[in-house]
All heavy atoms as atom14 arrays in JSON, in Angstrom:
{
  "sequence": "ADGGTITLGSGQDITITHVADTGINIKNISTSGNSGVGAVLTLQTGDT",
  "atom14_mask": [
    [1, 1, 1, 1, 1, 0, 0, 0, 0, 0, 0, 0, 0, 0],
    [1, 1, 1, 1, 1, 1, 1, 1, 0, 0, 0, 0, 0, 0],
    [1, 1, 1, 1, 0, 0, 0, 0, 0, 0, 0, 0, 0, 0],
    [1, 1, 1, 1, 0, 0, 0, 0, 0, 0, 0, 0, 0, 0],
    [1, 1, 1, 1, 1, 1, 1, 0, 0, 0, 0, 0, 0, 0],
    [1, 1, 1, 1, 1, 1, 1, 1, 0, 0, 0, 0, 0, 0],
    [1, 1, 1, 1, 1, 1, 1, 0, 0, 0, 0, 0, 0, 0],
    [1, 1, 1, 1, 1, 1, 1, 1, 0, 0, 0, 0, 0, 0],
    [1, 1, 1, 1, 0, 0, 0, 0, 0, 0, 0, 0, 0, 0],
    [1, 1, 1, 1, 1, 1, 0, 0, 0, 0, 0, 0, 0, 0],
    [1, 1, 1, 1, 0, 0, 0, 0, 0, 0, 0, 0, 0, 0],
    [1, 1, 1, 1, 1, 1, 1, 1, 1, 0, 0, 0, 0, 0],
    [1, 1, 1, 1, 1, 1, 1, 1, 0, 0, 0, 0, 0, 0],
    [1, 1, 1, 1, 1, 1, 1, 1, 0, 0, 0, 0, 0, 0],
    [1, 1, 1, 1, 1, 1, 1, 0, 0, 0, 0, 0, 0, 0],
    [1, 1, 1, 1, 1, 1, 1, 1, 0, 0, 0, 0, 0, 0],
    [1, 1, 1, 1, 1, 1, 1, 0, 0, 0, 0, 0, 0, 0],
    [1, 1, 1, 1, 1, 1, 1, 1, 1, 1, 0, 0, 0, 0],
    [1, 1, 1, 1, 1, 1, 1, 0, 0, 0, 0, 0, 0, 0],
    [1, 1, 1, 1, 1, 0, 0, 0, 0, 0, 0, 0, 0, 0],
    [1, 1, 1, 1, 1, 1, 1, 1, 0, 0, 0, 0, 0, 0],
    [1, 1, 1, 1, 1, 1, 1, 0, 0, 0, 0, 0, 0, 0],
    [1, 1, 1, 1, 0, 0, 0, 0, 0, 0, 0, 0, 0, 0],
    [1, 1, 1, 1, 1, 1, 1, 1, 0, 0, 0, 0, 0, 0],
    [1, 1, 1, 1, 1, 1, 1, 1, 0, 0, 0, 0, 0, 0],
    [1, 1, 1, 1, 1, 1, 1, 1, 0, 0, 0, 0, 0, 0],
    [1, 1, 1, 1, 1, 1, 1, 1, 1, 0, 0, 0, 0, 0],
    [1, 1, 1, 1, 1, 1, 1, 1, 0, 0, 0, 0, 0, 0],
    [1, 1, 1, 1, 1, 1, 1, 1, 0, 0, 0, 0, 0, 0],
    [1, 1, 1, 1, 1, 1, 0, 0, 0, 0, 0, 0, 0, 0],
    [1, 1, 1, 1, 1, 1, 1, 0, 0, 0, 0, 0, 0, 0],
    [1, 1, 1, 1, 1, 1, 0, 0, 0, 0, 0, 0, 0, 0],
    [1, 1, 1, 1, 0, 0, 0, 0, 0, 0, 0, 0, 0, 0],
    [1, 1, 1, 1, 1, 1, 1, 1, 0, 0, 0, 0, 0, 0],
    [1, 1, 1, 1, 1, 1, 0, 0, 0, 0, 0, 0, 0, 0],
    [1, 1, 1, 1, 0, 0, 0, 0, 0, 0, 0, 0, 0, 0],
    [1, 1, 1, 1, 1, 1, 1, 0, 0, 0, 0, 0, 0, 0],
    [1, 1, 1, 1, 0, 0, 0, 0, 0, 0, 0, 0, 0, 0],
    [1, 1, 1, 1, 1, 0, 0, 0, 0, 0, 0, 0, 0, 0],
    [1, 1, 1, 1, 1, 1, 1, 0, 0, 0, 0, 0, 0, 0],
    [1, 1, 1, 1, 1, 1, 1, 1, 0, 0, 0, 0, 0, 0],
    [1, 1, 1, 1, 1, 1, 1, 0, 0, 0, 0, 0, 0, 0],
    [1, 1, 1, 1, 1, 1, 1, 1, 0, 0, 0, 0, 0, 0],
    [1, 1, 1, 1, 1, 1, 1, 1, 1, 0, 0, 0, 0, 0],
    [1, 1, 1, 1, 1, 1, 1, 0, 0, 0, 0, 0, 0, 0],
    [1, 1, 1, 1, 0, 0, 0, 0, 0, 0, 0, 0, 0, 0],
    [1, 1, 1, 1, 1, 1, 1, 1, 0, 0, 0, 0, 0, 0],
    [1, 1, 1, 1, 1, 1, 1, 0, 0, 0, 0, 0, 0, 0]
  ],
  "atom14_positions": [
    [[-101.64, 33.62, 75.46], [-100.55, 33.23, 76.28], [-99.89, 34.44, 77.02], [-100.23, 35.62, 76.58], [-99.57, 32.44, 75.46], [0.0, 0.0, 0.0], [0.0, 0.0, 0.0], [0.0, 0.0, 0.0], [0.0, 0.0, 0.0], [0.0, 0.0, 0.0], [0.0, 0.0, 0.0], [0.0, 0.0, 0.0], [0.0, 0.0, 0.0], [0.0, 0.0, 0.0]],
    [[-99.07, 34.23, 77.94], [-98.39, 35.37, 78.59], [-97.53, 36.08, 77.49], [-96.97, 35.57, 76.63], [-97.2, 34.77, 79.41], [-97.91, 34.23, 80.81], [-99.13, 34.63, 81.04], [-97.14, 33.77, 81.67], [0.0, 0.0, 0.0], [0.0, 0.0, 0.0], [0.0, 0.0, 0.0], [0.0, 0.0, 0.0], [0.0, 0.0, 0.0], [0.0, 0.0, 0.0]],
    [[-97.74, 37.52, 77.61], [-97.12, 38.27, 76.57], [-97.86, 38.34, 75.27], [-97.41, 38.99, 74.27], [0.0, 0.0, 0.0], [0.0, 0.0, 0.0], [0.0, 0.0, 0.0], [0.0, 0.0, 0.0], [0.0, 0.0, 0.0], [0.0, 0.0, 0.0], [0.0, 0.0, 0.0], [0.0, 0.0, 0.0], [0.0, 0.0, 0.0], [0.0, 0.0, 0.0]],
    [[-99.08, 37.75, 75.16], [-99.72, 37.75, 73.91], [-100.04, 39.17, 73.62], [-100.41, 40.0, 74.34], [0.0, 0.0, 0.0], [0.0, 0.0, 0.0], [0.0, 0.0, 0.0], [0.0, 0.0, 0.0], [0.0, 0.0, 0.0], [0.0, 0.0, 0.0], [0.0, 0.0, 0.0], [0.0, 0.0, 0.0], [0.0, 0.0, 0.0], [0.0, 0.0, 0.0]],
    [[-100.14, 39.39, 72.19], [-100.43, 40.68, 71.66], [-101.7, 40.72, 70.65], [-101.65, 39.84, 69.79], [-99.16, 41.32, 70.98], [-98.1, 41.54, 71.8], [-99.49, 42.74, 70.28], [0.0, 0.0, 0.0], [0.0, 0.0, 0.0], [0.0, 0.0, 0.0], [0.0, 0.0, 0.0], [0.0, 0.0, 0.0], [0.0, 0.0, 0.0], [0.0, 0.0, 0.0]],
    [[-102.41, 41.69, 70.75], [-103.45, 42.01, 69.8], [-103.03, 43.19, 69.06], [-102.66, 44.36, 69.55], [-104.86, 42.3, 70.42], [-105.39, 41.15, 71.31], [-105.86, 42.61, 69.35], [-106.64, 41.33, 72.03], [0.0, 0.0, 0.0], [0.0, 0.0, 0.0], [0.0, 0.0, 0.0], [0.0, 0.0, 0.0], [0.0, 0.0, 0.0], [0.0, 0.0, 0.0]],
    [[-102.72, 42.98, 67.71], [-102.32, 44.14, 66.84], [-103.45, 44.55, 65.98], [-104.16, 43.9, 65.3], [-101.21, 43.61, 65.96], [-100.13, 42.99, 66.8], [-100.53, 44.7, 65.1], [0.0, 0.0, 0.0], [0.0, 0.0, 0.0], [0.0, 0.0, 0.0], [0.0, 0.0, 0.0], [0.0, 0.0, 0.0], [0.0, 0.0, 0.0], [0.0, 0.0, 0.0]],
    [[-103.62, 46.04, 65.93], [-104.64, 46.58, 65.25], [-104.18, 47.42, 64.24], [-103.14, 48.12, 64.2], [-105.6, 47.4, 66.24], [-106.17, 46.59, 67.4], [-106.74, 47.59, 68.4], [-107.11, 45.55, 67.09], [0.0, 0.0, 0.0], [0.0, 0.0, 0.0], [0.0, 0.0, 0.0], [0.0, 0.0, 0.0], [0.0, 0.0, 0.0], [0.0, 0.0, 0.0]],
    [[-104.97, 47.58, 63.1], [-104.72, 48.41, 62.02], [-103.86, 47.78, 60.86], [-103.16, 46.86, 61.03], [0.0, 0.0, 0.0], [0.0, 0.0, 0.0], [0.0, 0.0, 0.0], [0.0, 0.0, 0.0], [0.0, 0.0, 0.0], [0.0, 0.0, 0.0], [0.0, 0.0, 0.0], [0.0, 0.0, 0.0], [0.0, 0.0, 0.0], [0.0, 0.0, 0.0]],
    [[-104.17, 48.23, 59.73], [-103.41, 47.69, 58.47], [-102.02, 48.01, 58.64], [-101.12, 47.21, 58.05], [-103.88, 48.4, 57.18], [-105.32, 48.01, 56.99], [0.0, 0.0, 0.0], [0.0, 0.0, 0.0], [0.0, 0.0, 0.0], [0.0, 0.0, 0.0], [0.0, 0.0, 0.0], [0.0, 0.0, 0.0], [0.0, 0.0, 0.0], [0.0, 0.0, 0.0]],
    [[-101.63, 49.02, 59.27], [-100.14, 49.36, 59.45], [-99.5, 48.7, 60.86], [-98.45, 48.97, 61.26], [0.0, 0.0, 0.0], [0.0, 0.0, 0.0], [0.0, 0.0, 0.0], [0.0, 0.0, 0.0], [0.0, 0.0, 0.0], [0.0, 0.0, 0.0], [0.0, 0.0, 0.0], [0.0, 0.0, 0.0], [0.0, 0.0, 0.0], [0.0, 0.0, 0.0]],
    [[-100.46, 47.99, 61.48], [-100.16, 47.32, 62.73], [-99.6, 48.52, 63.81], [-98.6, 48.2, 64.36], [-99.09, 46.22, 62.71], [-99.53, 45.1, 61.94], [-99.52, 45.13, 60.44], [-98.47, 45.47, 59.83], [-100.64, 44.88, 59.71], [0.0, 0.0, 0.0], [0.0, 0.0, 0.0], [0.0, 0.0, 0.0], [0.0, 0.0, 0.0], [0.0, 0.0, 0.0]],
    [[-100.27, 49.64, 63.79], [-99.81, 50.75, 64.55], [-100.2, 50.79, 65.98], [-99.67, 51.49, 66.94], [-100.19, 52.07, 63.87], [-101.74, 52.09, 63.62], [-102.16, 51.21, 62.92], [-102.33, 53.11, 63.96], [0.0, 0.0, 0.0], [0.0, 0.0, 0.0], [0.0, 0.0, 0.0], [0.0, 0.0, 0.0], [0.0, 0.0, 0.0], [0.0, 0.0, 0.0]],
    [[-101.23, 50.04, 66.43], [-101.85, 49.97, 67.76], [-101.67, 48.54, 68.22], [-102.15, 47.56, 67.64], [-103.24, 50.39, 67.97], [-103.38, 51.87, 67.35], [-103.71, 50.41, 69.42], [-102.59, 52.98, 68.03], [0.0, 0.0, 0.0], [0.0, 0.0, 0.0], [0.0, 0.0, 0.0], [0.0, 0.0, 0.0], [0.0, 0.0, 0.0], [0.0, 0.0, 0.0]],
    [[-101.07, 48.43, 69.49], [-101.01, 46.97, 70.08], [-101.54, 47.1, 71.43], [-101.5, 48.02, 72.21], [-99.5, 46.66, 70.06], [-98.73, 47.51, 70.93], [-98.84, 46.52, 68.65], [0.0, 0.0, 0.0], [0.0, 0.0, 0.0], [0.0, 0.0, 0.0], [0.0, 0.0, 0.0], [0.0, 0.0, 0.0], [0.0, 0.0, 0.0], [0.0, 0.0, 0.0]],
    [[-102.21, 45.95, 71.84], [-102.6, 45.7, 73.23], [-101.9, 44.39, 73.61], [-102.15, 43.3, 73.05], [-104.14, 45.43, 73.26], [-104.88, 46.56, 72.66], [-104.71, 45.14, 74.7], [-106.42, 46.35, 72.58], [0.0, 0.0, 0.0], [0.0, 0.0, 0.0], [0.0, 0.0, 0.0], [0.0, 0.0, 0.0], [0.0, 0.0, 0.0], [0.0, 0.0, 0.0]],
    [[-100.98, 44.57, 74.46], [-100.05, 43.52, 74.91], [-100.23, 43.12, 76.33], [-100.41, 43.95, 77.36], [-98.57, 43.93, 74.85], [-98.41, 44.33, 73.3], [-97.58, 42.81, 75.08], [0.0, 0.0, 0.0], [0.0, 0.0, 0.0], [0.0, 0.0, 0.0], [0.0, 0.0, 0.0], [0.0, 0.0, 0.0], [0.0, 0.0, 0.0], [0.0, 0.0, 0.0]],
    [[-100.41, 41.82, 76.59], [-100.54, 41.33, 77.97], [-99.13, 41.36, 78.66], [-98.16, 41.04, 78.18], [-100.93, 39.8, 77.86], [-101.03, 39.08, 79.28], [-100.11, 38.07, 79.52], [-101.63, 39.46, 80.36], [-100.23, 37.66, 80.8], [-101.22, 38.39, 81.26], [0.0, 0.0, 0.0], [0.0, 0.0, 0.0], [0.0, 0.0, 0.0], [0.0, 0.0, 0.0]],
    [[-99.23, 41.89, 79.98], [-98.08, 41.9, 80.81], [-98.3, 40.83, 81.89], [-99.23, 40.95, 82.72], [-97.81, 43.29, 81.49], [-96.67, 43.34, 82.42], [-97.71, 44.32, 80.52], [0.0, 0.0, 0.0], [0.0, 0.0, 0.0], [0.0, 0.0, 0.0], [0.0, 0.0, 0.0], [0.0, 0.0, 0.0], [0.0, 0.0, 0.0], [0.0, 0.0, 0.0]],
    [[-97.54, 39.85, 81.89], [-97.76, 38.57, 82.62], [-98.04, 39.1, 84.19], [-97.18, 39.72, 84.74], [-96.69, 37.61, 82.57], [0.0, 0.0, 0.0], [0.0, 0.0, 0.0], [0.0, 0.0, 0.0], [0.0, 0.0, 0.0], [0.0, 0.0, 0.0], [0.0, 0.0, 0.0], [0.0, 0.0, 0.0], [0.0, 0.0, 0.0], [0.0, 0.0, 0.0]],
    [[-99.07, 38.48, 84.81], [-99.4, 38.81, 86.12], [-99.59, 40.11, 86.61], [-99.63, 40.59, 87.82], [-98.36, 38.11, 87.07], [-98.03, 36.64, 86.76], [-99.06, 35.93, 86.46], [-96.84, 36.22, 86.77], [0.0, 0.0, 0.0], [0.0, 0.0, 0.0], [0.0, 0.0, 0.0], [0.0, 0.0, 0.0], [0.0, 0.0, 0.0], [0.0, 0.0, 0.0]],
    [[-99.79, 41.06, 85.66], [-99.91, 42.46, 85.95], [-101.07, 43.11, 85.36], [-101.91, 43.73, 85.97], [-98.68, 43.28, 85.59], [-97.58, 42.69, 86.33], [-98.8, 44.79, 85.87], [0.0, 0.0, 0.0], [0.0, 0.0, 0.0], [0.0, 0.0, 0.0], [0.0, 0.0, 0.0], [0.0, 0.0, 0.0], [0.0, 0.0, 0.0], [0.0, 0.0, 0.0]],
    [[-101.09, 43.12, 83.99], [-102.27, 43.77, 83.23], [-101.94, 43.82, 81.82], [-101.48, 42.95, 81.25], [0.0, 0.0, 0.0], [0.0, 0.0, 0.0], [0.0, 0.0, 0.0], [0.0, 0.0, 0.0], [0.0, 0.0, 0.0], [0.0, 0.0, 0.0], [0.0, 0.0, 0.0], [0.0, 0.0, 0.0], [0.0, 0.0, 0.0], [0.0, 0.0, 0.0]],
    [[-102.35, 45.01, 81.08], [-102.11, 45.16, 79.71], [-101.34, 46.46, 79.43], [-101.55, 47.41, 80.23], [-103.29, 44.98, 78.83], [-104.41, 46.13, 79.32], [-104.02, 43.67, 78.96], [-105.58, 46.27, 78.52], [0.0, 0.0, 0.0], [0.0, 0.0, 0.0], [0.0, 0.0, 0.0], [0.0, 0.0, 0.0], [0.0, 0.0, 0.0], [0.0, 0.0, 0.0]],
    [[-100.72, 46.5, 78.33], [-100.11, 47.81, 77.85], [-100.9, 48.15, 76.48], [-101.07, 47.3, 75.63], [-98.64, 47.69, 77.55], [-97.84, 47.63, 78.78], [-98.35, 48.03, 79.88], [-96.63, 47.11, 78.74], [0.0, 0.0, 0.0], [0.0, 0.0, 0.0], [0.0, 0.0, 0.0], [0.0, 0.0, 0.0], [0.0, 0.0, 0.0], [0.0, 0.0, 0.0]],
    [[-101.38, 49.31, 76.33], [-101.89, 49.71, 75.08], [-100.96, 50.81, 74.49], [-100.6, 51.75, 75.2], [-103.24, 50.53, 75.27], [-104.23, 49.55, 75.94], [-103.79, 51.01, 73.88], [-105.56, 50.2, 76.24], [0.0, 0.0, 0.0], [0.0, 0.0, 0.0], [0.0, 0.0, 0.0], [0.0, 0.0, 0.0], [0.0, 0.0, 0.0], [0.0, 0.0, 0.0]],
    [[-100.4, 50.62, 73.3], [-99.37, 51.28, 72.68], [-99.6, 51.79, 71.26], [-99.99, 50.99, 70.42], [-97.98, 50.53, 72.73], [-96.78, 51.26, 72.34], [-95.49, 50.41, 72.44], [-94.32, 51.02, 72.04], [-93.08, 50.21, 72.23], [0.0, 0.0, 0.0], [0.0, 0.0, 0.0], [0.0, 0.0, 0.0], [0.0, 0.0, 0.0], [0.0, 0.0, 0.0]],
    [[-99.32, 53.01, 70.99], [-99.18, 53.44, 69.56], [-97.85, 53.4, 69.16], [-96.96, 54.21, 69.67], [-99.74, 54.9, 69.6], [-99.72, 55.45, 68.15], [-99.13, 54.94, 67.27], [-100.41, 56.63, 68.07], [0.0, 0.0, 0.0], [0.0, 0.0, 0.0], [0.0, 0.0, 0.0], [0.0, 0.0, 0.0], [0.0, 0.0, 0.0], [0.0, 0.0, 0.0]],
    [[-97.44, 52.47, 68.28], [-96.07, 52.3, 67.91], [-95.71, 53.14, 66.71], [-94.58, 53.01, 66.18], [-95.79, 50.83, 67.63], [-96.64, 50.35, 66.38], [-96.14, 49.96, 68.78], [-96.33, 48.92, 65.93], [0.0, 0.0, 0.0], [0.0, 0.0, 0.0], [0.0, 0.0, 0.0], [0.0, 0.0, 0.0], [0.0, 0.0, 0.0], [0.0, 0.0, 0.0]],
    [[-96.64, 53.92, 66.21], [-96.36, 54.74, 65.05], [-95.32, 55.87, 65.39], [-95.27, 56.43, 66.35], [-97.7, 55.42, 64.48], [-97.28, 56.33, 63.54], [0.0, 0.0, 0.0], [0.0, 0.0, 0.0], [0.0, 0.0, 0.0], [0.0, 0.0, 0.0], [0.0, 0.0, 0.0], [0.0, 0.0, 0.0], [0.0, 0.0, 0.0], [0.0, 0.0, 0.0]],
    [[-94.39, 56.05, 64.42], [-93.25, 57.11, 64.6], [-93.54, 58.17, 63.66], [-92.67, 59.13, 63.5], [-91.94, 56.47, 64.31], [-91.9, 55.81, 62.96], [-91.55, 55.39, 65.34], [0.0, 0.0, 0.0], [0.0, 0.0, 0.0], [0.0, 0.0, 0.0], [0.0, 0.0, 0.0], [0.0, 0.0, 0.0], [0.0, 0.0, 0.0], [0.0, 0.0, 0.0]],
    [[-94.65, 58.26, 63.0], [-95.04, 59.34, 62.0], [-96.49, 59.58, 61.98], [-97.19, 58.62, 62.44], [-94.53, 59.1, 60.68], [-95.06, 57.91, 60.04], [0.0, 0.0, 0.0], [0.0, 0.0, 0.0], [0.0, 0.0, 0.0], [0.0, 0.0, 0.0], [0.0, 0.0, 0.0], [0.0, 0.0, 0.0], [0.0, 0.0, 0.0], [0.0, 0.0, 0.0]],
    [[-96.95, 60.64, 61.49], [-98.43, 60.77, 61.32], [-98.94, 61.24, 62.62], [-99.42, 62.3, 62.83], [0.0, 0.0, 0.0], [0.0, 0.0, 0.0], [0.0, 0.0, 0.0], [0.0, 0.0, 0.0], [0.0, 0.0, 0.0], [0.0, 0.0, 0.0], [0.0, 0.0, 0.0], [0.0, 0.0, 0.0], [0.0, 0.0, 0.0], [0.0, 0.0, 0.0]],
    [[-99.07, 60.3, 63.62], [-99.55, 60.44, 64.99], [-98.46, 60.64, 65.96], [-98.74, 60.54, 67.14], [-100.54, 59.34, 65.28], [-101.54, 59.66, 66.37], [-101.92, 60.82, 66.43], [-101.88, 58.71, 67.26], [0.0, 0.0, 0.0], [0.0, 0.0, 0.0], [0.0, 0.0, 0.0], [0.0, 0.0, 0.0], [0.0, 0.0, 0.0], [0.0, 0.0, 0.0]],
    [[-97.35, 60.92, 65.53], [-96.14, 61.04, 66.45], [-96.37, 62.22, 67.46], [-96.9, 63.2, 67.1], [-95.01, 61.34, 65.68], [-93.85, 61.52, 66.49], [0.0, 0.0, 0.0], [0.0, 0.0, 0.0], [0.0, 0.0, 0.0], [0.0, 0.0, 0.0], [0.0, 0.0, 0.0], [0.0, 0.0, 0.0], [0.0, 0.0, 0.0], [0.0, 0.0, 0.0]],
    [[-96.03, 61.91, 68.7], [-96.32, 62.89, 69.75], [-97.59, 62.74, 70.43], [-97.79, 63.3, 71.53], [0.0, 0.0, 0.0], [0.0, 0.0, 0.0], [0.0, 0.0, 0.0], [0.0, 0.0, 0.0], [0.0, 0.0, 0.0], [0.0, 0.0, 0.0], [0.0, 0.0, 0.0], [0.0, 0.0, 0.0], [0.0, 0.0, 0.0], [0.0, 0.0, 0.0]],
    [[-98.6, 61.96, 69.94], [-99.8, 61.77, 70.61], [-99.82, 60.61, 71.59], [-100.5, 60.64, 72.56], [-100.92, 61.67, 69.59], [-102.29, 61.45, 70.17], [-100.96, 62.87, 68.59], [0.0, 0.0, 0.0], [0.0, 0.0, 0.0], [0.0, 0.0, 0.0], [0.0, 0.0, 0.0], [0.0, 0.0, 0.0], [0.0, 0.0, 0.0], [0.0, 0.0, 0.0]],
    [[-99.2, 59.53, 71.21], [-99.22, 58.33, 72.1], [-100.51, 57.64, 71.75], [-101.41, 57.93, 70.84], [0.0, 0.0, 0.0], [0.0, 0.0, 0.0], [0.0, 0.0, 0.0], [0.0, 0.0, 0.0], [0.0, 0.0, 0.0], [0.0, 0.0, 0.0], [0.0, 0.0, 0.0], [0.0, 0.0, 0.0], [0.0, 0.0, 0.0], [0.0, 0.0, 0.0]],
    [[-100.87, 56.7, 72.71], [-102.08, 55.91, 72.64], [-103.27, 56.57, 73.1], [-103.2, 57.38, 74.15], [-101.98, 54.56, 73.46], [0.0, 0.0, 0.0], [0.0, 0.0, 0.0], [0.0, 0.0, 0.0], [0.0, 0.0, 0.0], [0.0, 0.0, 0.0], [0.0, 0.0, 0.0], [0.0, 0.0, 0.0], [0.0, 0.0, 0.0], [0.0, 0.0, 0.0]],
    [[-104.43, 56.56, 72.4], [-105.63, 57.29, 72.72], [-106.69, 56.32, 73.13], [-107.06, 55.36, 72.24], [-106.03, 58.24, 71.64], [-107.44, 58.94, 72.05], [-104.98, 59.27, 71.35], [0.0, 0.0, 0.0], [0.0, 0.0, 0.0], [0.0, 0.0, 0.0], [0.0, 0.0, 0.0], [0.0, 0.0, 0.0], [0.0, 0.0, 0.0], [0.0, 0.0, 0.0]],
    [[-107.2, 56.3, 74.31], [-108.32, 55.53, 74.71], [-109.48, 56.44, 74.92], [-109.53, 57.31, 75.77], [-108.03, 54.84, 76.11], [-109.1, 54.01, 76.64], [-109.41, 52.8, 75.81], [-108.77, 53.48, 78.07], [0.0, 0.0, 0.0], [0.0, 0.0, 0.0], [0.0, 0.0, 0.0], [0.0, 0.0, 0.0], [0.0, 0.0, 0.0], [0.0, 0.0, 0.0]],
    [[-110.59, 56.13, 74.06], [-111.74, 56.96, 74.06], [-112.98, 56.13, 74.47], [-113.25, 55.15, 74.07], [-112.11, 57.47, 72.62], [-111.0, 58.22, 72.13], [-113.35, 58.4, 72.63], [0.0, 0.0, 0.0], [0.0, 0.0, 0.0], [0.0, 0.0, 0.0], [0.0, 0.0, 0.0], [0.0, 0.0, 0.0], [0.0, 0.0, 0.0], [0.0, 0.0, 0.0]],
    [[-113.64, 56.68, 75.64], [-114.84, 56.1, 75.98], [-115.92, 56.67, 75.54], [-116.11, 58.02, 75.74], [-114.81, 56.15, 77.69], [-113.72, 55.53, 78.33], [-113.85, 55.61, 79.93], [-113.42, 54.21, 78.01], [0.0, 0.0, 0.0], [0.0, 0.0, 0.0], [0.0, 0.0, 0.0], [0.0, 0.0, 0.0], [0.0, 0.0, 0.0], [0.0, 0.0, 0.0]],
    [[-116.83, 55.97, 74.8], [-117.93, 56.58, 74.11], [-119.26, 56.08, 74.56], [-119.45, 54.85, 75.03], [-117.84, 56.36, 72.56], [-116.62, 57.06, 71.92], [-116.54, 56.72, 70.48], [-117.01, 55.61, 69.98], [-115.93, 57.7, 69.76], [0.0, 0.0, 0.0], [0.0, 0.0, 0.0], [0.0, 0.0, 0.0], [0.0, 0.0, 0.0], [0.0, 0.0, 0.0]],
    [[-120.36, 56.87, 74.48], [-121.68, 56.33, 74.67], [-122.51, 56.36, 73.27], [-122.29, 57.16, 72.47], [-122.49, 57.29, 75.68], [-123.88, 56.82, 75.75], [-122.55, 58.79, 75.3], [0.0, 0.0, 0.0], [0.0, 0.0, 0.0], [0.0, 0.0, 0.0], [0.0, 0.0, 0.0], [0.0, 0.0, 0.0], [0.0, 0.0, 0.0], [0.0, 0.0, 0.0]],
    [[-123.39, 55.34, 73.21], [-124.16, 55.37, 71.94], [-125.54, 56.09, 72.07], [-126.3, 56.12, 71.1], [0.0, 0.0, 0.0], [0.0, 0.0, 0.0], [0.0, 0.0, 0.0], [0.0, 0.0, 0.0], [0.0, 0.0, 0.0], [0.0, 0.0, 0.0], [0.0, 0.0, 0.0], [0.0, 0.0, 0.0], [0.0, 0.0, 0.0], [0.0, 0.0, 0.0]],
    [[-125.68, 56.7, 73.22], [-126.87, 57.54, 73.48], [-126.95, 58.7, 72.44], [-126.05, 59.36, 72.16], [-126.9, 58.15, 74.83], [-128.21, 58.62, 75.23], [-129.23, 58.84, 74.45], [-128.4, 58.68, 76.51], [0.0, 0.0, 0.0], [0.0, 0.0, 0.0], [0.0, 0.0, 0.0], [0.0, 0.0, 0.0], [0.0, 0.0, 0.0], [0.0, 0.0, 0.0]],
    [[-128.23, 58.85, 71.78], [-128.32, 59.9, 70.74], [-129.07, 61.07, 71.35], [-129.37, 62.09, 70.55], [-129.17, 59.46, 69.68], [-130.43, 58.85, 70.05], [-128.54, 58.27, 68.85], [0.0, 0.0, 0.0], [0.0, 0.0, 0.0], [0.0, 0.0, 0.0], [0.0, 0.0, 0.0], [0.0, 0.0, 0.0], [0.0, 0.0, 0.0], [0.0, 0.0, 0.0]]
  ]
}
């Protein structure tokens, strides 16, 4: 639904949230450990 959120991690530290009629927000909600880094999106290839 509008505003729906996918929450990732045992600590629920990463969220992917729908922004109605616009797109998505990817957020690192952790305030410790990874503080200062923000959300990280890594594009990877499986080529060996």
